[in-house]
Amino acid sequence: MILYHTSNMVIKSPDTEHSRIDLDFGRGFYLTTMRQQAVDYGRRFKLRDEEAWLNSFQFDLEPSQWNILQFDSYSREWLYFISKCRAGKDDTDYDLVIGGIANDKVIRTLDRYFKGEISAEQALGLLKYEKPNIQYCIRSQIMLDRCLTHFESIKL
């Protein structure tokens, strides 16, 4: 499977150390299967007058060898997991987390939930018609080294 990661630099050998701990799925290397989503993300760098690079990787995964958590929808479990990760309180040892990305609309709903303006039920009600844009967060360096192979970087 091909996965994409947009950055302000070419990344041939990704690591988990350069990731913030308080992201959606915790510290890890984030990728997507959706090329256009990755290209669109590059606009963030360009708005800051930085270079934007679309880094492409081959991802070869044998699921039975790894500790994987997958969310197929915006669910209560997804919401609580993101809440814990964004608070920097994730204590799980997943190698890979797969699930919906918090795009702009989803982020606004999550922000309202985190501020206590709406309940979990209200937040999930607002998200139930949103189709998740799936992100992959590789959280273990061993998985990065064994399963992910860089093959191209294109300046956007």
Protein backbone atom coordinates (compact mmCIF):
# COMPACT_ATOMS: atom_id res chain seq x y z
CA MET A 1 0.00 0.00 0.00
CA ILE A 2 1.20 3.53 -0.74
CA LEU A 3 1.09 6.10 2.06
CA TYR A 4 1.87 9.83 1.97
CA HIS A 5 3.38 12.27 4.44
CA THR A 6 3.67 15.99 3.79
CA SER A 7 6.41 17.98 5.46
CA ASN A 8 8.57 21.05 4.98
CA MET A 9 11.44 18.71 4.10
CA VAL A 10 12.28 15.48 2.36
CA ILE A 11 11.90 12.58 4.77
CA LYS A 12 13.56 9.35 3.73
CA SER A 13 14.09 7.78 7.17
CA PRO A 14 11.18 8.74 9.43
CA ASP A 15 11.32 8.47 13.18
CA THR A 16 8.92 8.89 16.07
CA GLU A 17 11.14 11.23 18.08
CA HIS A 18 10.30 14.35 16.06
CA SER A 19 6.57 14.05 16.72
CA ARG A 20 4.71 15.91 19.42
CA ILE A 21 3.17 13.76 22.13
CA ASP A 22 -0.21 15.56 22.15
CA LEU A 23 -1.45 14.75 18.62
CA ASP A 24 -4.64 12.83 17.69
CA PHE A 25 -3.11 9.38 18.13
CA GLY A 26 -0.12 10.38 20.24
CA ARG A 27 3.54 10.47 19.26
CA GLY A 28 4.23 8.85 15.92
CA PHE A 29 4.76 9.30 12.20
CA TYR A 30 1.47 10.28 10.52
CA LEU A 31 0.53 9.26 7.00
CA THR A 32 -2.51 8.94 4.76
CA THR A 33 -3.59 6.80 1.82
CA MET A 34 -5.22 9.88 0.29
CA ARG A 35 -2.72 11.65 -1.95
CA GLN A 36 -4.92 14.73 -2.42
CA GLN A 37 -5.34 15.08 1.34
CA ALA A 38 -1.56 15.08 1.71
CA VAL A 39 -1.16 17.63 -1.09
CA ASP A 40 -3.81 19.86 0.49
CA TYR A 41 -1.98 19.66 3.82
CA GLY A 42 1.08 21.09 2.08
CA ARG A 43 -0.70 24.43 1.81
CA ARG A 44 -0.07 24.94 5.53
CA PHE A 45 3.66 25.05 4.92
CA LYS A 46 3.35 27.31 1.90
CA LEU A 47 1.23 29.79 3.89
CA ARG A 48 4.20 30.09 6.28
CA ASP A 49 6.57 30.63 3.33
CA GLU A 50 8.11 27.20 3.84
CA GLU A 51 8.77 24.50 1.30
CA ALA A 52 6.22 21.68 1.09
CA TRP A 53 7.27 18.15 0.20
CA LEU A 54 5.04 15.19 -0.55
CA ASN A 55 6.91 12.14 0.69
CA SER A 56 5.69 8.78 -0.63
CA PHE A 57 6.24 5.42 1.04
CA GLN A 58 5.50 1.77 0.40
CA PHE A 59 3.88 0.29 3.50
CA ASP A 60 4.15 -3.50 3.80
CA LEU A 61 2.28 -4.76 6.82
CA GLU A 62 1.66 -8.22 8.24
CA PRO A 63 -1.04 -7.29 10.81
CA SER A 64 -0.60 -10.38 12.98
CA GLN A 65 2.94 -9.27 13.92
CA TRP A 66 1.92 -5.92 15.37
CA ASN A 67 -0.23 -4.31 18.06
CA ILE A 68 -2.77 -2.33 16.00
CA LEU A 69 -5.73 -0.21 17.00
CA GLN A 70 -8.20 0.66 14.25
CA PHE A 71 -11.23 2.95 14.35
CA ASP A 72 -13.67 2.50 11.48
CA SER A 73 -15.84 5.48 12.41
CA TYR A 74 -16.02 8.50 14.68
CA SER A 75 -17.07 6.52 17.74
CA ARG A 76 -17.08 7.02 21.49
CA GLU A 77 -13.88 4.94 21.68
CA TRP A 78 -12.24 7.12 19.02
CA LEU A 79 -13.29 10.29 20.87
CA TYR A 80 -11.95 9.09 24.22
CA PHE A 81 -8.70 7.84 22.69
CA ILE A 82 -8.07 11.20 20.98
CA SER A 83 -8.99 13.03 24.21
CA LYS A 84 -6.41 11.03 26.13
CA CYS A 85 -3.72 11.44 23.46
CA ARG A 86 -4.25 15.17 23.03
CA ALA A 87 -3.96 15.60 26.79
CA GLY A 88 -0.59 13.80 26.63
CA LYS A 89 -1.94 10.98 28.81
CA ASP A 90 -1.83 8.04 26.42
CA ASP A 91 -0.37 4.99 28.14
CA THR A 92 -0.98 2.41 25.42
CA ASP A 93 1.68 0.57 23.46
CA TYR A 94 0.15 0.33 19.99
CA ASP A 95 2.59 0.08 17.09
CA LEU A 96 -0.01 1.50 14.72
CA VAL A 97 -3.25 3.44 15.13
CA ILE A 98 -5.57 3.83 12.16
CA GLY A 99 -8.61 6.08 12.18
CA GLY A 100 -10.32 9.29 11.26
CA ILE A 101 -8.29 12.44 10.96
CA ALA A 102 -9.50 15.53 12.73
CA ASN A 103 -10.09 17.82 9.72
CA ASP A 104 -11.23 21.44 10.19
CA LYS A 105 -14.90 20.62 10.81
CA VAL A 106 -14.04 17.72 13.11
CA ILE A 107 -11.49 19.87 14.98
CA ARG A 108 -14.11 22.55 15.67
CA THR A 109 -16.42 19.90 17.13
CA LEU A 110 -13.60 18.38 19.19
CA ASP A 111 -12.56 21.79 20.51
CA ARG A 112 -16.12 22.41 21.70
CA TYR A 113 -16.13 18.99 23.38
CA PHE A 114 -12.73 19.55 25.05
CA LYS A 115 -13.90 22.94 26.36
CA GLY A 116 -16.98 21.30 27.88
CA GLU A 117 -19.40 23.20 25.63
CA ILE A 118 -20.95 19.98 24.32
CA SER A 119 -21.18 16.42 25.63
CA ALA A 120 -19.62 13.34 24.05
CA GLU A 121 -23.07 12.38 22.72
CA GLN A 122 -23.54 15.81 21.15
CA ALA A 123 -20.07 15.73 19.59
CA LEU A 124 -20.65 12.27 18.13
CA GLY A 125 -24.06 13.39 16.88
CA LEU A 126 -22.40 16.22 14.97
CA LEU A 127 -19.81 13.84 13.54
CA LYS A 128 -22.04 10.91 12.60
CA TYR A 129 -22.51 12.11 9.03
CA GLU A 130 -18.84 12.96 8.51
CA LYS A 131 -16.91 10.43 6.45
CA PRO A 132 -13.55 9.94 8.16
CA ASN A 133 -10.40 10.76 6.21
CA ILE A 134 -8.22 7.94 7.44
CA GLN A 135 -4.81 8.58 8.94
CA TYR A 136 -2.14 6.08 9.89
CA CYS A 137 0.00 6.81 12.91
CA ILE A 138 3.02 4.53 13.14
CA ARG A 139 4.05 4.79 16.77
CA SER A 140 6.94 2.33 17.01
CA GLN A 141 10.34 2.87 15.45
CA ILE A 142 10.63 -0.85 14.80
CA MET A 143 7.51 -0.78 12.62
CA LEU A 144 8.79 2.30 10.76
CA ASP A 145 12.10 0.58 10.08
CA ARG A 146 10.61 -2.76 9.01
CA CYS A 147 7.41 -1.81 7.19
CA LEU A 148 7.87 1.62 5.61
CA THR A 149 10.10 2.24 2.58
CA HIS A 150 10.58 5.71 1.07
CA PHE A 151 10.43 5.80 -2.72
CA GLU A 152 9.74 9.40 -3.75
CA SER A 153 9.63 13.00 -2.58
CA ILE A 154 8.03 15.71 -4.72
CA LYS A 155 8.28 19.43 -4.03
CA LEU A 156 4.78 20.92 -4.02
